[in-house]
Each structure stands twice: as C-alpha cells, then as structure tokens.
Amino acid sequence: MLHATDHSLAGLAAQLQQRFAQRLVPLADGVQAIREAGHGPAIVLLHGIGSGAACWLQVALQLSQHARVIAWDAPGYGDSSPLANPAPQAADYARRLQQLLDALHIDDCLLVGHSLGALSAAALTQQQPQRVRRLVLISPARGYGDPARAEQAQQVRSQRLHSLEQLGIAQMANQRSAHMLSPAASREARAWVQWNMARLLPQGYRQAIELLCGEDLLRYAALAVPCEVHCGAADSITRPEDCQALAKALGAAFALIAEAGHASPIEQPEAVAALLARALEESLTGTAL
C-alpha cells in the first residue's frame, strides 16, 4: 500500500518529467545537464552541495509563467560531466557555466545561487558582470578557503569524505535530509529533499567538497552588479546571522524567508518564487513588483 508521501513524490516526479524536463547540452569539455521551462528573460538557478536541478521544480513552474528558467545539475551531478580538476575552484565551475550560457545563447540573466551554488554564481559574476543583471544568493555557503579557517576546512573535508565512504549516498541522504529543513517542514518536503540528495554521485560530490573547503565567497566580494541575500529564518546550516554578515560584506540587501530551513526552494517554493520574480522585475525595470 502506498503512503501519501509516496503519492506526493510520484506526482513531483511526473511534473519533473513533463514540465521541467532534462536535456543535455554538449560543450567543449563534456556534457552539461539542465532542466528548462518557460520563455522570456532568463533566470539561471544553481543548486547546493546536497541537491540537484530538480530541487527547483516548484519554484521553476511558478517562474516559468513569465521567464525562461534554467537549472543546471552542477558538473559531476546527474548526467553532467565532472570537471577535469579533481579539486576545482569556483572559477572552474564558472567557466563551465559560461560555456553553457554561450551554448544557450543567453547574453544576460538573473543568476541565483543556493548554498554552495553561491560560490559559482559569485565567480561568474566577477568574471563576466555583463552576463548578470542581478545576483541573488539564497542561504549562501561562504566556504572554508580563508587561510584563517584552514583547520576547520580540514575537519569539514575529513567529516564529509568519511561519511561518503562509511555511509554511502543513500544512507547519507536518509540521515542528513531532515537537517536541511525547519522542524515544521511537511513530510513531502522532507521526502523531496531526500529524493534529491539520494541522487548524488561520488565523484561530483567529492569535487564539490573540495570547492566548499578550498574557496571563500568573500574573494568575490567586489561585485559590479546588484546583489541580494536571503536566508531561511530557521536555517541551521548557513545560519541567518552568518548570511547577514555575508550580505554586509557583499554590500547586498538581506532578508529572511519565513518558516524555512536551509532548503527553502523546497520548503517554501512560493516565497522563493515571489522573491525571485521581484528580483527579475527590478533587474529589468529598476523597480520592484
């Protein structure tokens, strides 16, 4: 007998296939997997370390009514080719993203980075500010690349690699998914976070660990485009006070997402879609909705 959560997951998977389908884009250094919906000005969505393009499903379906929404599976995730460098930097991910935008004929976009995706988004913004109308960071991961955080970086690297080797992807997803959400999150949200996390691939995840431990978002603080930072009010991973400090360092506006933990695009997709719609409108007209 199927539980209600099983039915919910089946419905989300069907929507994913029918309305936010994957396609593969051949690039010079491999294949890049994306999901795409809608038409109009481009919104490009970058997921975090424990997720994938599908995490943006409910946000994308709302935004696709008035925008072209593209979410990538980061290099080494899903069907995307991993990067050549076993310990890549944000600039390596940004170069892949630049190739993708070229292939999709996207001259400029609203660029959105969630969690670890903030590093790639900020790096691309620094490399090619003309490509980014506005940068939105949601629960951004700062990273541990500051030399002053070297001991912490080694601890994080060791812990994550140990978990990967000892538990494996499926058990990691089972144990860690609840931490991504607020205590009040629905069973469907918990299941969808776990579904996405269970699809990690070891090589891509190892490269993402190196990105997390070797990079520092503040290296990209000199932004030439408008930037805003948002954080789930109940985020226990990238805590509100830490996100607010990053926003201040970036010269960015800061706001909380009510009743959300770290995985706010899954837990509060309506709120995330609304804030991105406002950011898009402001990027296009200079005025918010």
C-alpha atoms as a PDB file:
ATOM      1  CA  MET A   1       0.000   0.000   0.000  1.00  0.00           C
ATOM      2  CA  LEU A   2       1.381   3.424  -0.976  1.00  0.00           C
ATOM      3  CA  HIS A   3       1.645   6.155   1.657  1.00  0.00           C
ATOM      4  CA  ALA A   4       0.543   9.724   0.950  1.00  0.00           C
ATOM      5  CA  THR A   5       4.207  10.728   0.735  1.00  0.00           C
ATOM      6  CA  ASP A   6       4.776   8.122  -1.970  1.00  0.00           C
ATOM      7  CA  HIS A   7       1.900   9.586  -3.972  1.00  0.00           C
ATOM      8  CA  SER A   8       3.341  13.100  -3.492  1.00  0.00           C
ATOM      9  CA  LEU A   9       6.766  12.013  -4.701  1.00  0.00           C
ATOM     10  CA  ALA A  10       5.229  10.280  -7.698  1.00  0.00           C
ATOM     11  CA  GLY A  11       3.370  13.484  -8.539  1.00  0.00           C
ATOM     12  CA  LEU A  12       6.515  15.588  -8.248  1.00  0.00           C
ATOM     13  CA  ALA A  13       8.485  13.138 -10.380  1.00  0.00           C
ATOM     14  CA  ALA A  14       5.753  13.268 -13.029  1.00  0.00           C
ATOM     15  CA  GLN A  15       5.804  17.078 -13.029  1.00  0.00           C
ATOM     16  CA  LEU A  16       9.573  16.982 -13.304  1.00  0.00           C
ATOM     17  CA  GLN A  17       9.399  14.799 -16.391  1.00  0.00           C
ATOM     18  CA  GLN A  18       6.518  16.627 -18.062  1.00  0.00           C
ATOM     19  CA  ARG A  19       7.069  20.278 -17.174  1.00  0.00           C
ATOM     20  CA  PHE A  20      10.731  20.666 -16.162  1.00  0.00           C
ATOM     21  CA  ALA A  21      12.354  18.018 -18.301  1.00  0.00           C
ATOM     22  CA  GLN A  22      16.058  17.385 -18.553  1.00  0.00           C
ATOM     23  CA  ARG A  23      18.071  17.966 -21.678  1.00  0.00           C
ATOM     24  CA  LEU A  24      21.768  17.510 -22.338  1.00  0.00           C
ATOM     25  CA  VAL A  25      23.859  20.333 -23.801  1.00  0.00           C
ATOM     26  CA  PRO A  26      27.166  19.306 -25.433  1.00  0.00           C
ATOM     27  CA  LEU A  27      30.063  21.595 -24.517  1.00  0.00           C
ATOM     28  CA  ALA A  28      33.786  21.718 -25.252  1.00  0.00           C
ATOM     29  CA  ASP A  29      34.696  19.887 -22.037  1.00  0.00           C
ATOM     30  CA  GLY A  30      31.793  17.448 -21.819  1.00  0.00           C
ATOM     31  CA  VAL A  31      28.039  17.306 -21.461  1.00  0.00           C
ATOM     32  CA  GLN A  32      26.010  19.625 -19.260  1.00  0.00           C
ATOM     33  CA  ALA A  33      22.598  18.516 -17.963  1.00  0.00           C
ATOM     34  CA  ILE A  34      19.950  21.183 -17.440  1.00  0.00           C
ATOM     35  CA  ARG A  35      16.238  21.449 -16.781  1.00  0.00           C
ATOM     36  CA  GLU A  36      14.320  24.215 -18.513  1.00  0.00           C
ATOM     37  CA  ALA A  37      10.825  25.688 -18.566  1.00  0.00           C
ATOM     38  CA  GLY A  38       9.130  28.806 -19.879  1.00  0.00           C
ATOM     39  CA  HIS A  39      10.083  31.668 -22.173  1.00  0.00           C
ATOM     40  CA  GLY A  40      11.233  35.236 -21.674  1.00  0.00           C
ATOM     41  CA  PRO A  41      14.091  36.798 -19.701  1.00  0.00           C
ATOM     42  CA  ALA A  42      16.459  34.180 -18.328  1.00  0.00           C
ATOM     43  CA  ILE A  43      16.674  33.043 -14.726  1.00  0.00           C
ATOM     44  CA  VAL A  44      19.556  30.646 -14.064  1.00  0.00           C
ATOM     45  CA  LEU A  45      19.406  28.524 -10.893  1.00  0.00           C
ATOM     46  CA  LEU A  46      22.418  26.849  -9.227  1.00  0.00           C
ATOM     47  CA  HIS A  47      21.770  24.256  -6.510  1.00  0.00           C
ATOM     48  CA  GLY A  48      23.719  23.371  -3.367  1.00  0.00           C
ATOM     49  CA  ILE A  49      26.112  20.558  -2.500  1.00  0.00           C
ATOM     50  CA  GLY A  50      23.486  18.033  -1.421  1.00  0.00           C
ATOM     51  CA  SER A  51      20.957  18.562  -4.169  1.00  0.00           C
ATOM     52  CA  GLY A  52      20.412  18.886  -7.907  1.00  0.00           C
ATOM     53  CA  ALA A  53      18.477  20.729 -10.590  1.00  0.00           C
ATOM     54  CA  ALA A  54      15.220  19.015  -9.611  1.00  0.00           C
ATOM     55  CA  CYS A  55      15.172  20.812  -6.247  1.00  0.00           C
ATOM     56  CA  TRP A  56      13.998  23.935  -8.107  1.00  0.00           C
ATOM     57  CA  LEU A  57      10.941  22.220  -9.641  1.00  0.00           C
ATOM     58  CA  GLN A  58       8.167  24.028  -7.773  1.00  0.00           C
ATOM     59  CA  VAL A  59       9.957  27.383  -7.952  1.00  0.00           C
ATOM     60  CA  ALA A  60      10.591  26.971 -11.675  1.00  0.00           C
ATOM     61  CA  LEU A  61       6.994  26.088 -12.505  1.00  0.00           C
ATOM     62  CA  GLN A  62       5.810  29.333 -10.942  1.00  0.00           C
ATOM     63  CA  LEU A  63       8.502  31.488 -12.544  1.00  0.00           C
ATOM     64  CA  SER A  64       8.104  29.880 -15.976  1.00  0.00           C
ATOM     65  CA  GLN A  65       4.860  31.794 -16.475  1.00  0.00           C
ATOM     66  CA  HIS A  66       6.913  34.912 -17.254  1.00  0.00           C
ATOM     67  CA  ALA A  67      10.558  33.815 -17.615  1.00  0.00           C
ATOM     68  CA  ARG A  68      12.869  31.252 -19.177  1.00  0.00           C
ATOM     69  CA  VAL A  69      14.001  29.233 -16.176  1.00  0.00           C
ATOM     70  CA  ILE A  70      17.133  27.086 -16.403  1.00  0.00           C
ATOM     71  CA  ALA A  71      18.534  24.937 -13.597  1.00  0.00           C
ATOM     72  CA  TRP A  72      21.743  23.015 -14.024  1.00  0.00           C
ATOM     73  CA  ASP A  73      22.947  19.805 -12.483  1.00  0.00           C
ATOM     74  CA  ALA A  74      26.371  21.036 -11.423  1.00  0.00           C
ATOM     75  CA  PRO A  75      29.405  19.364 -13.013  1.00  0.00           C
ATOM     76  CA  GLY A  76      29.636  15.814 -11.705  1.00  0.00           C
ATOM     77  CA  TYR A  77      25.965  15.796 -10.689  1.00  0.00           C
ATOM     78  CA  GLY A  78      23.288  13.853 -12.563  1.00  0.00           C
ATOM     79  CA  ASP A  79      24.273  13.441 -16.199  1.00  0.00           C
ATOM     80  CA  SER A  80      26.677  16.421 -16.197  1.00  0.00           C
ATOM     81  CA  SER A  81      30.317  15.649 -16.963  1.00  0.00           C
ATOM     82  CA  PRO A  82      32.608  16.246 -13.979  1.00  0.00           C
ATOM     83  CA  LEU A  83      35.316  18.876 -14.166  1.00  0.00           C
ATOM     84  CA  ALA A  84      38.841  17.819 -15.127  1.00  0.00           C
ATOM     85  CA  ASN A  85      40.395  19.242 -11.951  1.00  0.00           C
ATOM     86  CA  PRO A  86      39.852  16.856  -9.006  1.00  0.00           C
ATOM     87  CA  ALA A  87      39.961  19.842  -6.637  1.00  0.00           C
ATOM     88  CA  PRO A  88      38.188  22.550  -8.661  1.00  0.00           C
ATOM     89  CA  GLN A  89      37.820  26.172  -7.688  1.00  0.00           C
ATOM     90  CA  ALA A  90      34.786  28.383  -8.182  1.00  0.00           C
ATOM     91  CA  ALA A  91      36.381  29.723 -11.378  1.00  0.00           C
ATOM     92  CA  ASP A  92      36.298  26.199 -12.866  1.00  0.00           C
ATOM     93  CA  TYR A  93      32.557  25.904 -12.244  1.00  0.00           C
ATOM     94  CA  ALA A  94      32.067  29.450 -13.554  1.00  0.00           C
ATOM     95  CA  ARG A  95      33.863  28.592 -16.808  1.00  0.00           C
ATOM     96  CA  ARG A  96      31.511  25.632 -17.306  1.00  0.00           C
ATOM     97  CA  LEU A  97      28.570  27.932 -16.615  1.00  0.00           C
ATOM     98  CA  GLN A  98      29.905  30.465 -19.111  1.00  0.00           C
ATOM     99  CA  GLN A  99      30.141  27.751 -21.771  1.00  0.00           C
ATOM    100  CA  LEU A 100      26.570  26.731 -21.005  1.00  0.00           C
ATOM    101  CA  LEU A 101      25.244  30.283 -21.299  1.00  0.00           C
ATOM    102  CA  ASP A 102      27.081  30.647 -24.606  1.00  0.00           C
ATOM    103  CA  ALA A 103      25.550  27.409 -25.898  1.00  0.00           C
ATOM    104  CA  LEU A 104      22.067  28.521 -24.811  1.00  0.00           C
ATOM    105  CA  HIS A 105      22.565  31.989 -26.371  1.00  0.00           C
ATOM    106  CA  ILE A 106      21.915  33.705 -23.046  1.00  0.00           C
ATOM    107  CA  ASP A 107      23.556  37.129 -23.024  1.00  0.00           C
ATOM    108  CA  ASP A 108      22.334  38.137 -19.566  1.00  0.00           C
ATOM    109  CA  CYS A 109      20.297  36.646 -16.764  1.00  0.00           C
ATOM    110  CA  LEU A 110      19.094  36.818 -13.208  1.00  0.00           C
ATOM    111  CA  LEU A 111      21.634  34.483 -11.592  1.00  0.00           C
ATOM    112  CA  VAL A 112      20.623  32.597  -8.454  1.00  0.00           C
ATOM    113  CA  GLY A 113      22.967  30.576  -6.260  1.00  0.00           C
ATOM    114  CA  HIS A 114      21.672  28.450  -3.392  1.00  0.00           C
ATOM    115  CA  SER A 115      24.101  27.300  -0.692  1.00  0.00           C
ATOM    116  CA  LEU A 116      27.303  26.051  -2.416  1.00  0.00           C
ATOM    117  CA  GLY A 117      25.900  27.345  -5.715  1.00  0.00           C
ATOM    118  CA  ALA A 118      26.584  30.846  -4.393  1.00  0.00           C
ATOM    119  CA  LEU A 119      30.312  30.352  -4.967  1.00  0.00           C
ATOM    120  CA  SER A 120      29.944  29.509  -8.660  1.00  0.00           C
ATOM    121  CA  ALA A 121      27.406  32.309  -9.108  1.00  0.00           C
ATOM    122  CA  ALA A 122      29.675  34.895  -7.493  1.00  0.00           C
ATOM    123  CA  ALA A 123      32.682  33.723  -9.506  1.00  0.00           C
ATOM    124  CA  LEU A 124      30.817  34.042 -12.802  1.00  0.00           C
ATOM    125  CA  THR A 125      29.537  37.466 -11.763  1.00  0.00           C
ATOM    126  CA  GLN A 126      33.090  38.606 -11.111  1.00  0.00           C
ATOM    127  CA  GLN A 127      34.376  37.121 -14.395  1.00  0.00           C
ATOM    128  CA  GLN A 128      31.537  38.374 -16.597  1.00  0.00           C
ATOM    129  CA  PRO A 129      29.471  41.049 -14.874  1.00  0.00           C
ATOM    130  CA  GLN A 130      27.788  41.926 -18.168  1.00  0.00           C
ATOM    131  CA  ARG A 131      26.148  38.468 -18.115  1.00  0.00           C
ATOM    132  CA  VAL A 132      24.411  39.038 -14.777  1.00  0.00           C
ATOM    133  CA  ARG A 133      21.568  41.515 -14.428  1.00  0.00           C
ATOM    134  CA  ARG A 134      21.267  40.802 -10.728  1.00  0.00           C
ATOM    135  CA  LEU A 135      22.762  38.230  -8.359  1.00  0.00           C
ATOM    136  CA  VAL A 136      20.557  36.503  -5.784  1.00  0.00           C
ATOM    137  CA  LEU A 137      22.163  34.321  -3.131  1.00  0.00           C
ATOM    138  CA  ILE A 138      19.936  32.068  -1.023  1.00  0.00           C
ATOM    139  CA  SER A 139      21.469  30.662   2.166  1.00  0.00           C
ATOM    140  CA  PRO A 140      24.942  31.158   0.663  1.00  0.00           C
ATOM    141  CA  ALA A 141      27.822  28.955   1.795  1.00  0.00           C
ATOM    142  CA  ARG A 142      30.871  31.100   2.466  1.00  0.00           C
ATOM    143  CA  GLY A 143      33.298  28.176   2.137  1.00  0.00           C
ATOM    144  CA  TYR A 144      36.401  27.481   4.212  1.00  0.00           C
ATOM    145  CA  GLY A 145      39.101  28.772   1.869  1.00  0.00           C
ATOM    146  CA  ASP A 146      40.235  31.645   4.093  1.00  0.00           C
ATOM    147  CA  PRO A 147      43.668  30.650   5.495  1.00  0.00           C
ATOM    148  CA  ALA A 148      42.354  31.544   8.944  1.00  0.00           C
ATOM    149  CA  ARG A 149      39.813  28.724   8.553  1.00  0.00           C
ATOM    150  CA  ALA A 150      42.310  26.084   7.404  1.00  0.00           C
ATOM    151  CA  GLU A 151      41.820  23.831  10.443  1.00  0.00           C
ATOM    152  CA  GLN A 152      38.055  23.989  10.076  1.00  0.00           C
ATOM    153  CA  ALA A 153      38.372  23.261   6.349  1.00  0.00           C
ATOM    154  CA  GLN A 154      40.346  20.098   7.081  1.00  0.00           C
ATOM    155  CA  GLN A 155      37.757  18.961   9.619  1.00  0.00           C
ATOM    156  CA  VAL A 156      34.871  19.533   7.212  1.00  0.00           C
ATOM    157  CA  ARG A 157      36.671  17.761   4.374  1.00  0.00           C
ATOM    158  CA  SER A 158      37.514  14.774   6.566  1.00  0.00           C
ATOM    159  CA  GLN A 159      33.999  14.508   8.008  1.00  0.00           C
ATOM    160  CA  ARG A 160      32.256  14.682   4.652  1.00  0.00           C
ATOM    161  CA  LEU A 161      34.604  12.243   2.927  1.00  0.00           C
ATOM    162  CA  HIS A 162      34.332   9.852   5.872  1.00  0.00           C
ATOM    163  CA  SER A 163      30.533   9.988   5.709  1.00  0.00           C
ATOM    164  CA  LEU A 164      30.622   9.319   1.985  1.00  0.00           C
ATOM    165  CA  GLU A 165      32.898   6.293   2.386  1.00  0.00           C
ATOM    166  CA  GLN A 166      31.270   4.835   5.509  1.00  0.00           C
ATOM    167  CA  LEU A 167      27.599   5.527   4.822  1.00  0.00           C
ATOM    168  CA  GLY A 168      27.272   5.834   1.069  1.00  0.00           C
ATOM    169  CA  ILE A 169      24.951   8.223  -0.735  1.00  0.00           C
ATOM    170  CA  ALA A 170      21.631   6.603   0.178  1.00  0.00           C
ATOM    171  CA  GLN A 171      22.315   6.456   3.907  1.00  0.00           C
ATOM    172  CA  MET A 172      23.729   9.992   3.881  1.00  0.00           C
ATOM    173  CA  ALA A 173      20.510  11.192   2.289  1.00  0.00           C
ATOM    174  CA  ASN A 174      18.475   9.319   4.864  1.00  0.00           C
ATOM    175  CA  GLN A 175      20.409  10.805   7.783  1.00  0.00           C
ATOM    176  CA  ARG A 176      21.085  14.356   6.588  1.00  0.00           C
ATOM    177  CA  SER A 177      17.935  15.380   4.739  1.00  0.00           C
ATOM    178  CA  ALA A 178      15.975  16.400   7.846  1.00  0.00           C
ATOM    179  CA  HIS A 179      18.710  18.894   8.797  1.00  0.00           C
ATOM    180  CA  MET A 180      18.046  20.781   5.561  1.00  0.00           C
ATOM    181  CA  LEU A 181      14.569  21.855   6.688  1.00  0.00           C
ATOM    182  CA  SER A 182      12.821  23.562   9.560  1.00  0.00           C
ATOM    183  CA  PRO A 183      11.269  21.425  12.304  1.00  0.00           C
ATOM    184  CA  ALA A 184       7.830  22.306  10.912  1.00  0.00           C
ATOM    185  CA  ALA A 185       8.541  21.085   7.367  1.00  0.00           C
ATOM    186  CA  SER A 186       5.986  18.845   5.696  1.00  0.00           C
ATOM    187  CA  ARG A 187       6.576  15.139   5.068  1.00  0.00           C
ATOM    188  CA  GLU A 188       6.510  15.888   1.348  1.00  0.00           C
ATOM    189  CA  ALA A 189       9.288  18.464   1.684  1.00  0.00           C
ATOM    190  CA  ARG A 190      11.390  16.049   3.723  1.00  0.00           C
ATOM    191  CA  ALA A 191      10.866  13.297   1.160  1.00  0.00           C
ATOM    192  CA  TRP A 192      11.722  15.582  -1.776  1.00  0.00           C
ATOM    193  CA  VAL A 193      14.943  16.763  -0.125  1.00  0.00           C
ATOM    194  CA  GLN A 194      15.917  13.135   0.471  1.00  0.00           C
ATOM    195  CA  TRP A 195      14.978  12.149  -3.106  1.00  0.00           C
ATOM    196  CA  ASN A 196      17.288  14.842  -4.490  1.00  0.00           C
ATOM    197  CA  MET A 197      20.148  14.070  -2.111  1.00  0.00           C
ATOM    198  CA  ALA A 198      19.956  10.340  -2.872  1.00  0.00           C
ATOM    199  CA  ARG A 199      20.878  11.109  -6.497  1.00  0.00           C
ATOM    200  CA  LEU A 200      24.323  12.472  -5.694  1.00  0.00           C
ATOM    201  CA  LEU A 201      27.278  10.849  -7.438  1.00  0.00           C
ATOM    202  CA  PRO A 202      30.509  10.250  -5.518  1.00  0.00           C
ATOM    203  CA  GLN A 203      32.888  11.941  -7.982  1.00  0.00           C
ATOM    204  CA  GLY A 204      30.830  15.100  -8.305  1.00  0.00           C
ATOM    205  CA  TYR A 205      30.236  15.232  -4.565  1.00  0.00           C
ATOM    206  CA  ARG A 206      33.975  14.876  -3.840  1.00  0.00           C
ATOM    207  CA  GLN A 207      34.720  17.770  -6.208  1.00  0.00           C
ATOM    208  CA  ALA A 208      32.033  19.856  -4.510  1.00  0.00           C
ATOM    209  CA  ILE A 209      33.604  19.105  -1.112  1.00  0.00           C
ATOM    210  CA  GLU A 210      36.902  20.463  -2.451  1.00  0.00           C
ATOM    211  CA  LEU A 211      35.099  23.579  -3.670  1.00  0.00           C
ATOM    212  CA  LEU A 212      33.483  24.070  -0.261  1.00  0.00           C
ATOM    213  CA  CYS A 213      36.740  23.599   1.614  1.00  0.00           C
ATOM    214  CA  GLY A 214      39.047  25.450  -0.768  1.00  0.00           C
ATOM    215  CA  GLU A 215      37.056  28.550  -1.658  1.00  0.00           C
ATOM    216  CA  ASP A 216      35.862  31.683   0.133  1.00  0.00           C
ATOM    217  CA  LEU A 217      32.864  33.669  -1.084  1.00  0.00           C
ATOM    218  CA  LEU A 218      34.483  36.864   0.172  1.00  0.00           C
ATOM    219  CA  ARG A 219      37.123  36.549  -2.575  1.00  0.00           C
ATOM    220  CA  TYR A 220      34.313  37.668  -4.876  1.00  0.00           C
ATOM    221  CA  ALA A 221      33.043  40.498  -2.692  1.00  0.00           C
ATOM    222  CA  ALA A 222      33.890  43.232  -5.220  1.00  0.00           C
ATOM    223  CA  LEU A 223      30.673  42.789  -7.197  1.00  0.00           C
ATOM    224  CA  ALA A 224      29.852  45.111 -10.070  1.00  0.00           C
ATOM    225  CA  VAL A 225      26.156  44.146 -10.175  1.00  0.00           C
ATOM    226  CA  PRO A 226      23.268  44.485  -7.716  1.00  0.00           C
ATOM    227  CA  CYS A 227      23.140  41.648  -5.218  1.00  0.00           C
ATOM    228  CA  GLU A 228      20.688  40.443  -2.590  1.00  0.00           C
ATOM    229  CA  VAL A 229      20.973  37.714   0.044  1.00  0.00           C
ATOM    230  CA  HIS A 230      18.139  35.661   1.540  1.00  0.00           C
ATOM    231  CA  CYS A 231      18.158  33.015   4.237  1.00  0.00           C
ATOM    232  CA  GLY A 232      15.608  30.696   5.794  1.00  0.00           C
ATOM    233  CA  ALA A 233      14.626  32.025   9.211  1.00  0.00           C
ATOM    234  CA  ALA A 234      15.146  28.523  10.645  1.00  0.00           C
ATOM    235  CA  ASP A 235      18.307  27.696   8.651  1.00  0.00           C
ATOM    236  CA  SER A 236      20.653  25.750  10.947  1.00  0.00           C
ATOM    237  CA  ILE A 237      23.309  25.143   8.257  1.00  0.00           C
ATOM    238  CA  THR A 238      24.042  28.635   6.927  1.00  0.00           C
ATOM    239  CA  ARG A 239      22.597  30.490   9.876  1.00  0.00           C
ATOM    240  CA  PRO A 240      20.745  33.802   9.464  1.00  0.00           C
ATOM    241  CA  GLU A 241      23.399  35.761  11.368  1.00  0.00           C
ATOM    242  CA  ASP A 242      26.144  34.342   9.128  1.00  0.00           C
ATOM    243  CA  CYS A 243      24.179  35.092   5.952  1.00  0.00           C
ATOM    244  CA  GLN A 244      23.519  38.621   7.174  1.00  0.00           C
ATOM    245  CA  ALA A 245      27.246  39.118   7.777  1.00  0.00           C
ATOM    246  CA  LEU A 246      27.976  37.886   4.239  1.00  0.00           C
ATOM    247  CA  ALA A 247      25.347  40.253   2.859  1.00  0.00           C
ATOM    248  CA  LYS A 248      27.011  43.168   4.650  1.00  0.00           C
ATOM    249  CA  ALA A 249      30.432  42.188   3.271  1.00  0.00           C
ATOM    250  CA  LEU A 250      28.966  41.962  -0.233  1.00  0.00           C
ATOM    251  CA  GLY A 251      27.111  45.267   0.073  1.00  0.00           C
ATOM    252  CA  ALA A 252      23.889  43.364  -0.524  1.00  0.00           C
ATOM    253  CA  ALA A 253      20.352  43.690   0.781  1.00  0.00           C
ATOM    254  CA  PHE A 254      19.344  40.957   3.245  1.00  0.00           C
ATOM    255  CA  ALA A 255      16.000  39.356   4.063  1.00  0.00           C
ATOM    256  CA  LEU A 256      14.733  36.263   5.850  1.00  0.00           C
ATOM    257  CA  ILE A 257      12.431  33.637   4.342  1.00  0.00           C
ATOM    258  CA  ALA A 258       9.808  32.838   6.956  1.00  0.00           C
ATOM    259  CA  GLU A 259       9.167  29.266   8.076  1.00  0.00           C
ATOM    260  CA  ALA A 260      12.076  27.844   6.095  1.00  0.00           C
ATOM    261  CA  GLY A 261      15.252  25.983   6.872  1.00  0.00           C
ATOM    262  CA  HIS A 262      18.234  25.640   4.545  1.00  0.00           C
ATOM    263  CA  ALA A 263      16.339  24.069   1.642  1.00  0.00           C
ATOM    264  CA  SER A 264      13.920  26.973   1.238  1.00  0.00           C
ATOM    265  CA  PRO A 265      13.288  26.349  -2.509  1.00  0.00           C
ATOM    266  CA  ILE A 266      11.707  23.042  -1.488  1.00  0.00           C
ATOM    267  CA  GLU A 267      10.165  24.045   1.835  1.00  0.00           C
ATOM    268  CA  GLN A 268       8.776  27.444   0.789  1.00  0.00           C
ATOM    269  CA  PRO A 269       8.738  27.453  -3.040  1.00  0.00           C
ATOM    270  CA  GLU A 270       6.007  30.110  -3.285  1.00  0.00           C
ATOM    271  CA  ALA A 271       8.013  32.551  -1.166  1.00  0.00           C
ATOM    272  CA  VAL A 272      11.232  31.841  -3.082  1.00  0.00           C
ATOM    273  CA  ALA A 273       9.471  32.209  -6.445  1.00  0.00           C
ATOM    274  CA  ALA A 274       7.959  35.507  -5.302  1.00  0.00           C
ATOM    275  CA  LEU A 275      11.290  36.976  -4.217  1.00  0.00           C
ATOM    276  CA  LEU A 276      12.909  35.876  -7.490  1.00  0.00           C
ATOM    277  CA  ALA A 277      10.046  37.375  -9.511  1.00  0.00           C
ATOM    278  CA  ARG A 278      10.611  40.674  -7.694  1.00  0.00           C
ATOM    279  CA  ALA A 279      14.353  40.473  -8.315  1.00  0.00           C
ATOM    280  CA  LEU A 280      13.750  39.789 -12.015  1.00  0.00           C
ATOM    281  CA  GLU A 281      11.374  42.717 -12.346  1.00  0.00           C
ATOM    282  CA  GLU A 282      13.829  45.025 -10.606  1.00  0.00           C
ATOM    283  CA  SER A 283      16.667  43.785 -12.828  1.00  0.00           C
ATOM    284  CA  LEU A 284      14.596  44.569 -15.931  1.00  0.00           C
ATOM    285  CA  THR A 285      12.992  47.862 -14.944  1.00  0.00           C
ATOM    286  CA  GLY A 286      14.784  49.144 -11.866  1.00  0.00           C
ATOM    287  CA  THR A 287      11.544  48.885  -9.894  1.00  0.00           C
ATOM    288  CA  ALA A 288      10.208  46.005  -7.810  1.00  0.00           C
ATOM    289  CA  LEU A 289       6.804  44.374  -8.228  1.00  0.00           C
END
